């Protein structure tokens, strides 16, 4: 695995292991799968319960918020790492 070495202004050397292209692509694919699965489950549930017809705009926005903030939430929870 490749390593990146960074010297800071205080002469501290930081070493980071760089993820391979394949690992990054797999993580991105998993992120997309999870996001679309969430949206499909929400719409399936709303359609099955006939709530999709009567849903108001603010309710729809609340249901879509996890999709919109997925990457931000995972960055916070996993310290900048993806799955």
PDB file of N, CA and C in Angstrom:
ATOM      1  N   UNK A   1       0.846  -1.173   0.000  1.00  0.00           N
ATOM      2  CA  UNK A   1       0.000   0.000   0.000  1.00  0.00           C
ATOM      3  C   UNK A   1       0.893   1.238   0.000  1.00  0.00           C
ATOM      4  N   UNK A   2       0.551   2.203  -0.805  1.00  0.00           N
ATOM      5  CA  UNK A   2       1.343   3.432  -0.917  1.00  0.00           C
ATOM      6  C   UNK A   2       1.131   4.312   0.311  1.00  0.00           C
ATOM      7  N   UNK A   3       2.169   5.065   0.644  1.00  0.00           N
ATOM      8  CA  UNK A   3       2.120   5.958   1.795  1.00  0.00           C
ATOM      9  C   UNK A   3       2.481   7.367   1.349  1.00  0.00           C
ATOM     10  N   UNK A   4       1.745   8.339   1.872  1.00  0.00           N
ATOM     11  CA  UNK A   4       2.036   9.746   1.607  1.00  0.00           C
ATOM     12  C   UNK A   4       2.657  10.326   2.869  1.00  0.00           C
ATOM     13  N   UNK A   5       3.769  11.036   2.707  1.00  0.00           N
ATOM     14  CA  UNK A   5       4.462  11.635   3.843  1.00  0.00           C
ATOM     15  C   UNK A   5       4.355  13.155   3.740  1.00  0.00           C
ATOM     16  N   UNK A   6       3.890  13.788   4.824  1.00  0.00           N
ATOM     17  CA  UNK A   6       3.700  15.239   4.851  1.00  0.00           C
ATOM     18  C   UNK A   6       4.499  15.808   6.016  1.00  0.00           C
ATOM     19  N   UNK A   7       5.313  16.827   5.745  1.00  0.00           N
ATOM     20  CA  UNK A   7       6.021  17.545   6.804  1.00  0.00           C
ATOM     21  C   UNK A   7       5.230  18.804   7.139  1.00  0.00           C
ATOM     22  N   UNK A   8       4.903  18.976   8.420  1.00  0.00           N
ATOM     23  CA  UNK A   8       4.141  20.145   8.844  1.00  0.00           C
ATOM     24  C   UNK A   8       5.083  21.303   9.149  1.00  0.00           C
ATOM     25  N   UNK A   9       4.517  22.455   9.444  1.00  0.00           N
ATOM     26  CA  UNK A   9       5.318  23.641   9.766  1.00  0.00           C
ATOM     27  C   UNK A   9       6.107  23.457  11.060  1.00  0.00           C
ATOM     28  N   UNK A  10       5.667  22.552  11.929  1.00  0.00           N
ATOM     29  CA  UNK A  10       6.363  22.295  13.192  1.00  0.00           C
ATOM     30  C   UNK A  10       7.360  21.134  13.073  1.00  0.00           C
ATOM     31  N   UNK A  11       7.726  20.768  11.858  1.00  0.00           N
ATOM     32  CA  UNK A  11       8.638  19.654  11.578  1.00  0.00           C
ATOM     33  C   UNK A  11       8.143  18.321  12.131  1.00  0.00           C
ATOM     34  N   UNK A  12       6.863  18.117  12.051  1.00  0.00           N
ATOM     35  CA  UNK A  12       6.273  16.831  12.412  1.00  0.00           C
ATOM     36  C   UNK A  12       5.930  16.122  11.108  1.00  0.00           C
ATOM     37  N   UNK A  13       6.350  14.888  11.003  1.00  0.00           N
ATOM     38  CA  UNK A  13       6.083  14.117   9.795  1.00  0.00           C
ATOM     39  C   UNK A  13       4.821  13.287   9.992  1.00  0.00           C
ATOM     40  N   UNK A  14       3.880  13.458   9.080  1.00  0.00           N
ATOM     41  CA  UNK A  14       2.648  12.677   9.103  1.00  0.00           C
ATOM     42  C   UNK A  14       2.685  11.684   7.952  1.00  0.00           C
ATOM     43  N   UNK A  15       2.406  10.426   8.253  1.00  0.00           N
ATOM     44  CA  UNK A  15       2.368   9.383   7.232  1.00  0.00           C
ATOM     45  C   UNK A  15       0.936   8.882   7.085  1.00  0.00           C
ATOM     46  N   UNK A  16       0.445   8.874   5.856  1.00  0.00           N
ATOM     47  CA  UNK A  16      -0.907   8.407   5.563  1.00  0.00           C
ATOM     48  C   UNK A  16      -0.839   7.264   4.563  1.00  0.00           C
ATOM     49  N   UNK A  17      -1.586   6.209   4.841  1.00  0.00           N
ATOM     50  CA  UNK A  17      -1.725   5.133   3.866  1.00  0.00           C
ATOM     51  C   UNK A  17      -2.780   5.552   2.853  1.00  0.00           C
ATOM     52  N   UNK A  18      -2.454   5.440   1.587  1.00  0.00           N
ATOM     53  CA  UNK A  18      -3.354   5.843   0.511  1.00  0.00           C
ATOM     54  C   UNK A  18      -4.162   4.627   0.071  1.00  0.00           C
ATOM     55  N   UNK A  19      -5.472   4.794  -0.024  1.00  0.00           N
ATOM     56  CA  UNK A  19      -6.337   3.711  -0.489  1.00  0.00           C
ATOM     57  C   UNK A  19      -6.139   3.506  -1.984  1.00  0.00           C
ATOM     58  N   UNK A  20      -6.259   2.267  -2.401  1.00  0.00           N
ATOM     59  CA  UNK A  20      -6.106   1.966  -3.827  1.00  0.00           C
ATOM     60  C   UNK A  20      -7.328   2.468  -4.599  1.00  0.00           C
ATOM     61  N   UNK A  21      -7.170   2.560  -5.898  1.00  0.00           N
ATOM     62  CA  UNK A  21      -8.269   3.027  -6.746  1.00  0.00           C
ATOM     63  C   UNK A  21      -9.454   2.072  -6.643  1.00  0.00           C
ATOM     64  N   UNK A  22      -9.180   0.785  -6.616  1.00  0.00           N
ATOM     65  CA  UNK A  22     -10.252  -0.207  -6.510  1.00  0.00           C
ATOM     66  C   UNK A  22     -11.025  -0.085  -5.208  1.00  0.00           C
ATOM     67  N   UNK A  23     -10.313   0.138  -4.104  1.00  0.00           N
ATOM     68  CA  UNK A  23     -10.981   0.289  -2.811  1.00  0.00           C
ATOM     69  C   UNK A  23     -11.842   1.543  -2.782  1.00  0.00           C
ATOM     70  N   UNK A  24     -11.355   2.612  -3.376  1.00  0.00           N
ATOM     71  CA  UNK A  24     -12.134   3.861  -3.427  1.00  0.00           C
ATOM     72  C   UNK A  24     -13.363   3.705  -4.313  1.00  0.00           C
ATOM     73  N   UNK A  25     -13.213   2.992  -5.432  1.00  0.00           N
ATOM     74  CA  UNK A  25     -14.356   2.768  -6.318  1.00  0.00           C
ATOM     75  C   UNK A  25     -15.404   1.893  -5.642  1.00  0.00           C
ATOM     76  N   UNK A  26     -14.966   0.870  -4.930  1.00  0.00           N
ATOM     77  CA  UNK A  26     -15.897  -0.003  -4.221  1.00  0.00           C
ATOM     78  C   UNK A  26     -16.634   0.767  -3.130  1.00  0.00           C
ATOM     79  N   UNK A  27     -15.924   1.605  -2.398  1.00  0.00           N
ATOM     80  CA  UNK A  27     -16.560   2.413  -1.355  1.00  0.00           C
ATOM     81  C   UNK A  27     -17.577   3.379  -1.962  1.00  0.00           C
ATOM     82  N   UNK A  28     -17.239   3.987  -3.082  1.00  0.00           N
ATOM     83  CA  UNK A  28     -18.177   4.886  -3.753  1.00  0.00           C
ATOM     84  C   UNK A  28     -19.405   4.147  -4.252  1.00  0.00           C
ATOM     85  N   UNK A  29     -19.200   2.938  -4.784  1.00  0.00           N
ATOM     86  CA  UNK A  29     -20.319   2.128  -5.252  1.00  0.00           C
ATOM     87  C   UNK A  29     -21.234   1.740  -4.095  1.00  0.00           C
ATOM     88  N   UNK A  30     -20.656   1.363  -2.966  1.00  0.00           N
ATOM     89  CA  UNK A  30     -21.470   1.040  -1.792  1.00  0.00           C
ATOM     90  C   UNK A  30     -22.262   2.251  -1.315  1.00  0.00           C
ATOM     91  N   UNK A  31     -21.653   3.420  -1.332  1.00  0.00           N
ATOM     92  CA  UNK A  31     -22.366   4.639  -0.951  1.00  0.00           C
ATOM     93  C   UNK A  31     -23.573   4.872  -1.851  1.00  0.00           C
ATOM     94  N   UNK A  32     -23.382   4.715  -3.146  1.00  0.00           N
ATOM     95  CA  UNK A  32     -24.485   4.923  -4.094  1.00  0.00           C
ATOM     96  C   UNK A  32     -25.583   3.882  -3.876  1.00  0.00           C
ATOM     97  N   UNK A  33     -25.196   2.631  -3.647  1.00  0.00           N
ATOM     98  CA  UNK A  33     -26.181   1.576  -3.408  1.00  0.00           C
ATOM     99  C   UNK A  33     -26.996   1.879  -2.162  1.00  0.00           C
ATOM    100  N   UNK A  34     -26.350   2.297  -1.079  1.00  0.00           N
ATOM    101  CA  UNK A  34     -27.075   2.613   0.152  1.00  0.00           C
ATOM    102  C   UNK A  34     -28.014   3.798  -0.031  1.00  0.00           C
ATOM    103  N   UNK A  35     -27.569   4.818  -0.749  1.00  0.00           N
ATOM    104  CA  UNK A  35     -28.420   5.993  -0.954  1.00  0.00           C
ATOM    105  C   UNK A  35     -29.651   5.642  -1.782  1.00  0.00           C
ATOM    106  N   UNK A  36     -29.471   4.909  -2.864  1.00  0.00           N
ATOM    107  CA  UNK A  36     -30.613   4.544  -3.698  1.00  0.00           C
ATOM    108  C   UNK A  36     -31.525   3.541  -3.001  1.00  0.00           C
ATOM    109  N   UNK A  37     -30.966   2.636  -2.208  1.00  0.00           N
ATOM    110  CA  UNK A  37     -31.799   1.699  -1.452  1.00  0.00           C
ATOM    111  C   UNK A  37     -32.685   2.453  -0.467  1.00  0.00           C
ATOM    112  N   UNK A  38     -32.141   3.466   0.184  1.00  0.00           N
ATOM    113  CA  UNK A  38     -32.939   4.273   1.110  1.00  0.00           C
ATOM    114  C   UNK A  38     -34.101   4.939   0.377  1.00  0.00           C
ATOM    115  N   UNK A  39     -33.817   5.561  -0.756  1.00  0.00           N
ATOM    116  CA  UNK A  39     -34.866   6.249  -1.519  1.00  0.00           C
ATOM    117  C   UNK A  39     -35.919   5.253  -2.000  1.00  0.00           C
ATOM    118  N   UNK A  40     -35.482   4.101  -2.505  1.00  0.00           N
ATOM    119  CA  UNK A  40     -36.439   3.098  -2.969  1.00  0.00           C
ATOM    120  C   UNK A  40     -37.310   2.580  -1.836  1.00  0.00           C
ATOM    121  N   UNK A  41     -36.720   2.349  -0.670  1.00  0.00           N
ATOM    122  CA  UNK A  41     -37.509   1.882   0.473  1.00  0.00           C
ATOM    123  C   UNK A  41     -38.526   2.926   0.920  1.00  0.00           C
ATOM    124  N   UNK A  42     -38.138   4.173   0.933  1.00  0.00           N
ATOM    125  CA  UNK A  42     -39.068   5.236   1.322  1.00  0.00           C
ATOM    126  C   UNK A  42     -40.239   5.297   0.351  1.00  0.00           C
ATOM    127  N   UNK A  43     -39.943   5.315  -0.947  1.00  0.00           N
ATOM    128  CA  UNK A  43     -41.027   5.386  -1.930  1.00  0.00           C
ATOM    129  C   UNK A  43     -41.874   4.117  -1.939  1.00  0.00           C
ATOM    130  N   UNK A  44     -41.263   2.954  -1.728  1.00  0.00           N
ATOM    131  CA  UNK A  44     -42.027   1.714  -1.649  1.00  0.00           C
ATOM    132  C   UNK A  44     -42.974   1.756  -0.458  1.00  0.00           C
ATOM    133  N   UNK A  45     -42.485   2.189   0.696  1.00  0.00           N
ATOM    134  CA  UNK A  45     -43.330   2.288   1.891  1.00  0.00           C
ATOM    135  C   UNK A  45     -44.467   3.281   1.678  1.00  0.00           C
ATOM    136  N   UNK A  46     -44.153   4.447   1.125  1.00  0.00           N
ATOM    137  CA  UNK A  46     -45.186   5.458   0.903  1.00  0.00           C
ATOM    138  C   UNK A  46     -46.222   4.988  -0.112  1.00  0.00           C
ATOM    139  N   UNK A  47     -45.787   4.282  -1.132  1.00  0.00           N
ATOM    140  CA  UNK A  47     -46.720   3.782  -2.138  1.00  0.00           C
ATOM    141  C   UNK A  47     -47.578   2.652  -1.573  1.00  0.00           C
ATOM    142  N   UNK A  48     -46.975   1.769  -0.775  1.00  0.00           N
ATOM    143  CA  UNK A  48     -47.714   0.639  -0.210  1.00  0.00           C
ATOM    144  C   UNK A  48     -48.761   1.094   0.793  1.00  0.00           C
ATOM    145  N   UNK A  49     -48.520   2.183   1.477  1.00  0.00           N
ATOM    146  CA  UNK A  49     -49.470   2.677   2.481  1.00  0.00           C
ATOM    147  C   UNK A  49     -50.353   3.791   1.940  1.00  0.00           C
ATOM    148  N   UNK A  50     -50.258   4.073   0.650  1.00  0.00           N
ATOM    149  CA  UNK A  50     -51.037   5.139  -0.003  1.00  0.00           C
ATOM    150  C   UNK A  50     -50.790   6.512   0.608  1.00  0.00           C
ATOM    151  N   UNK A  51     -49.658   6.694   1.237  1.00  0.00           N
ATOM    152  CA  UNK A  51     -49.306   8.003   1.790  1.00  0.00           C
ATOM    153  C   UNK A  51     -48.670   8.904   0.743  1.00  0.00           C
ATOM    154  N   UNK A  52     -48.230   8.323  -0.362  1.00  0.00           N
ATOM    155  CA  UNK A  52     -47.568   9.107  -1.400  1.00  0.00           C
ATOM    156  C   UNK A  52     -48.521  10.112  -2.036  1.00  0.00           C
ATOM    157  N   UNK A  53     -49.803   9.785  -2.057  1.00  0.00           N
ATOM    158  CA  UNK A  53     -50.798  10.675  -2.657  1.00  0.00           C
ATOM    159  C   UNK A  53     -51.020  11.905  -1.785  1.00  0.00           C
ATOM    160  N   UNK A  54     -51.022  11.710  -0.476  1.00  0.00           N
ATOM    161  CA  UNK A  54     -51.363  12.790   0.453  1.00  0.00           C
ATOM    162  C   UNK A  54     -50.160  13.469   1.090  1.00  0.00           C
ATOM    163  N   UNK A  55     -48.963  13.169   0.643  1.00  0.00           N
ATOM    164  CA  UNK A  55     -47.774  13.721   1.291  1.00  0.00           C
ATOM    165  C   UNK A  55     -47.627  15.207   0.955  1.00  0.00           C
ATOM    166  N   UNK A  56     -47.255  15.953   1.965  1.00  0.00           N
ATOM    167  CA  UNK A  56     -47.029  17.382   1.756  1.00  0.00           C
ATOM    168  C   UNK A  56     -45.543  17.621   1.493  1.00  0.00           C
ATOM    169  N   UNK A  57     -45.254  18.813   1.004  1.00  0.00           N
ATOM    170  CA  UNK A  57     -43.878  19.124   0.606  1.00  0.00           C
ATOM    171  C   UNK A  57     -42.910  19.034   1.779  1.00  0.00           C
ATOM    172  N   UNK A  58     -43.265  19.553   2.941  1.00  0.00           N
ATOM    173  CA  UNK A  58     -42.353  19.539   4.086  1.00  0.00           C
ATOM    174  C   UNK A  58     -42.108  18.108   4.570  1.00  0.00           C
ATOM    175  N   UNK A  59     -43.108  17.229   4.449  1.00  0.00           N
ATOM    176  CA  UNK A  59     -42.916  15.839   4.845  1.00  0.00           C
ATOM    177  C   UNK A  59     -41.954  15.130   3.891  1.00  0.00           C
ATOM    178  N   UNK A  60     -42.089  15.435   2.615  1.00  0.00           N
ATOM    179  CA  UNK A  60     -41.194  14.852   1.622  1.00  0.00           C
ATOM    180  C   UNK A  60     -39.757  15.307   1.860  1.00  0.00           C
ATOM    181  N   UNK A  61     -39.589  16.577   2.185  1.00  0.00           N
ATOM    182  CA  UNK A  61     -38.246  17.114   2.445  1.00  0.00           C
ATOM    183  C   UNK A  61     -37.612  16.419   3.646  1.00  0.00           C
ATOM    184  N   UNK A  62     -38.389  16.190   4.690  1.00  0.00           N
ATOM    185  CA  UNK A  62     -37.865  15.504   5.880  1.00  0.00           C
ATOM    186  C   UNK A  62     -37.425  14.080   5.533  1.00  0.00           C
ATOM    187  N   UNK A  63     -38.185  13.410   4.676  1.00  0.00           N
ATOM    188  CA  UNK A  63     -37.821  12.047   4.289  1.00  0.00           C
ATOM    189  C   UNK A  63     -36.573  11.999   3.414  1.00  0.00           C
ATOM    190  N   UNK A  64     -36.328  13.043   2.650  1.00  0.00           N
ATOM    191  CA  UNK A  64     -35.191  13.072   1.734  1.00  0.00           C
ATOM    192  C   UNK A  64     -33.921  13.629   2.399  1.00  0.00           C
ATOM    193  N   UNK A  65     -34.039  14.258   3.557  1.00  0.00           N
ATOM    194  CA  UNK A  65     -32.868  14.844   4.223  1.00  0.00           C
ATOM    195  C   UNK A  65     -31.728  13.847   4.458  1.00  0.00           C
ATOM    196  N   UNK A  66     -31.997  12.628   4.923  1.00  0.00           N
ATOM    197  CA  UNK A  66     -30.874  11.689   5.081  1.00  0.00           C
ATOM    198  C   UNK A  66     -30.146  11.408   3.767  1.00  0.00           C
ATOM    199  N   UNK A  67     -30.876  11.375   2.668  1.00  0.00           N
ATOM    200  CA  UNK A  67     -30.250  11.181   1.357  1.00  0.00           C
ATOM    201  C   UNK A  67     -29.359  12.366   1.001  1.00  0.00           C
ATOM    202  N   UNK A  68     -29.851  13.563   1.256  1.00  0.00           N
ATOM    203  CA  UNK A  68     -29.097  14.760   0.897  1.00  0.00           C
ATOM    204  C   UNK A  68     -27.837  14.935   1.744  1.00  0.00           C
ATOM    205  N   UNK A  69     -27.913  14.541   3.020  1.00  0.00           N
ATOM    206  CA  UNK A  69     -26.788  14.736   3.937  1.00  0.00           C
ATOM    207  C   UNK A  69     -26.032  13.441   4.234  1.00  0.00           C
ATOM    208  N   UNK A  70     -26.193  12.441   3.399  1.00  0.00           N
ATOM    209  CA  UNK A  70     -25.569  11.136   3.615  1.00  0.00           C
ATOM    210  C   UNK A  70     -24.051  11.244   3.771  1.00  0.00           C
ATOM    211  N   UNK A  71     -23.403  11.894   2.824  1.00  0.00           N
ATOM    212  CA  UNK A  71     -21.939  11.988   2.873  1.00  0.00           C
ATOM    213  C   UNK A  71     -21.473  12.820   4.062  1.00  0.00           C
ATOM    214  N   UNK A  72     -22.151  13.899   4.351  1.00  0.00           N
ATOM    215  CA  UNK A  72     -21.781  14.742   5.487  1.00  0.00           C
ATOM    216  C   UNK A  72     -21.911  13.975   6.801  1.00  0.00           C
ATOM    217  N   UNK A  73     -22.997  13.236   6.962  1.00  0.00           N
ATOM    218  CA  UNK A  73     -23.222  12.470   8.193  1.00  0.00           C
ATOM    219  C   UNK A  73     -22.158  11.386   8.350  1.00  0.00           C
ATOM    220  N   UNK A  74     -21.846  10.668   7.263  1.00  0.00           N
ATOM    221  CA  UNK A  74     -20.830   9.619   7.361  1.00  0.00           C
ATOM    222  C   UNK A  74     -19.440  10.180   7.618  1.00  0.00           C
ATOM    223  N   UNK A  75     -19.144  11.345   7.057  1.00  0.00           N
ATOM    224  CA  UNK A  75     -17.855  11.991   7.344  1.00  0.00           C
ATOM    225  C   UNK A  75     -17.733  12.266   8.839  1.00  0.00           C
ATOM    226  N   UNK A  76     -18.814  12.712   9.453  1.00  0.00           N
ATOM    227  CA  UNK A  76     -18.787  12.993  10.890  1.00  0.00           C
ATOM    228  C   UNK A  76     -18.701  11.716  11.716  1.00  0.00           C
ATOM    229  N   UNK A  77     -19.484  10.713  11.361  1.00  0.00           N
ATOM    230  CA  UNK A  77     -19.545   9.494  12.162  1.00  0.00           C
ATOM    231  C   UNK A  77     -18.301   8.617  12.030  1.00  0.00           C
ATOM    232  N   UNK A  78     -17.704   8.567  10.844  1.00  0.00           N
ATOM    233  CA  UNK A  78     -16.580   7.665  10.595  1.00  0.00           C
ATOM    234  C   UNK A  78     -15.254   8.389  10.431  1.00  0.00           C
ATOM    235  N   UNK A  79     -15.154   9.605  10.940  1.00  0.00           N
ATOM    236  CA  UNK A  79     -13.906  10.374  10.910  1.00  0.00           C
ATOM    237  C   UNK A  79     -13.313  10.490   9.507  1.00  0.00           C
ATOM    238  N   UNK A  80     -14.139  10.836   8.551  1.00  0.00           N
ATOM    239  CA  UNK A  80     -13.665  11.081   7.196  1.00  0.00           C
ATOM    240  C   UNK A  80     -13.524   9.855   6.332  1.00  0.00           C
ATOM    241  N   UNK A  81     -13.964   8.697   6.815  1.00  0.00           N
ATOM    242  CA  UNK A  81     -13.844   7.477   6.027  1.00  0.00           C
ATOM    243  C   UNK A  81     -15.218   7.051   5.529  1.00  0.00           C
ATOM    244  N   UNK A  82     -15.204   6.357   4.426  1.00  0.00           N
ATOM    245  CA  UNK A  82     -16.427   5.783   3.890  1.00  0.00           C
ATOM    246  C   UNK A  82     -16.523   4.345   4.378  1.00  0.00           C
ATOM    247  N   UNK A  83     -17.521   3.616   3.942  1.00  0.00           N
ATOM    248  CA  UNK A  83     -17.660   2.210   4.336  1.00  0.00           C
ATOM    249  C   UNK A  83     -16.522   1.400   3.796  1.00  0.00           C
TER     250      UNK A  83
END
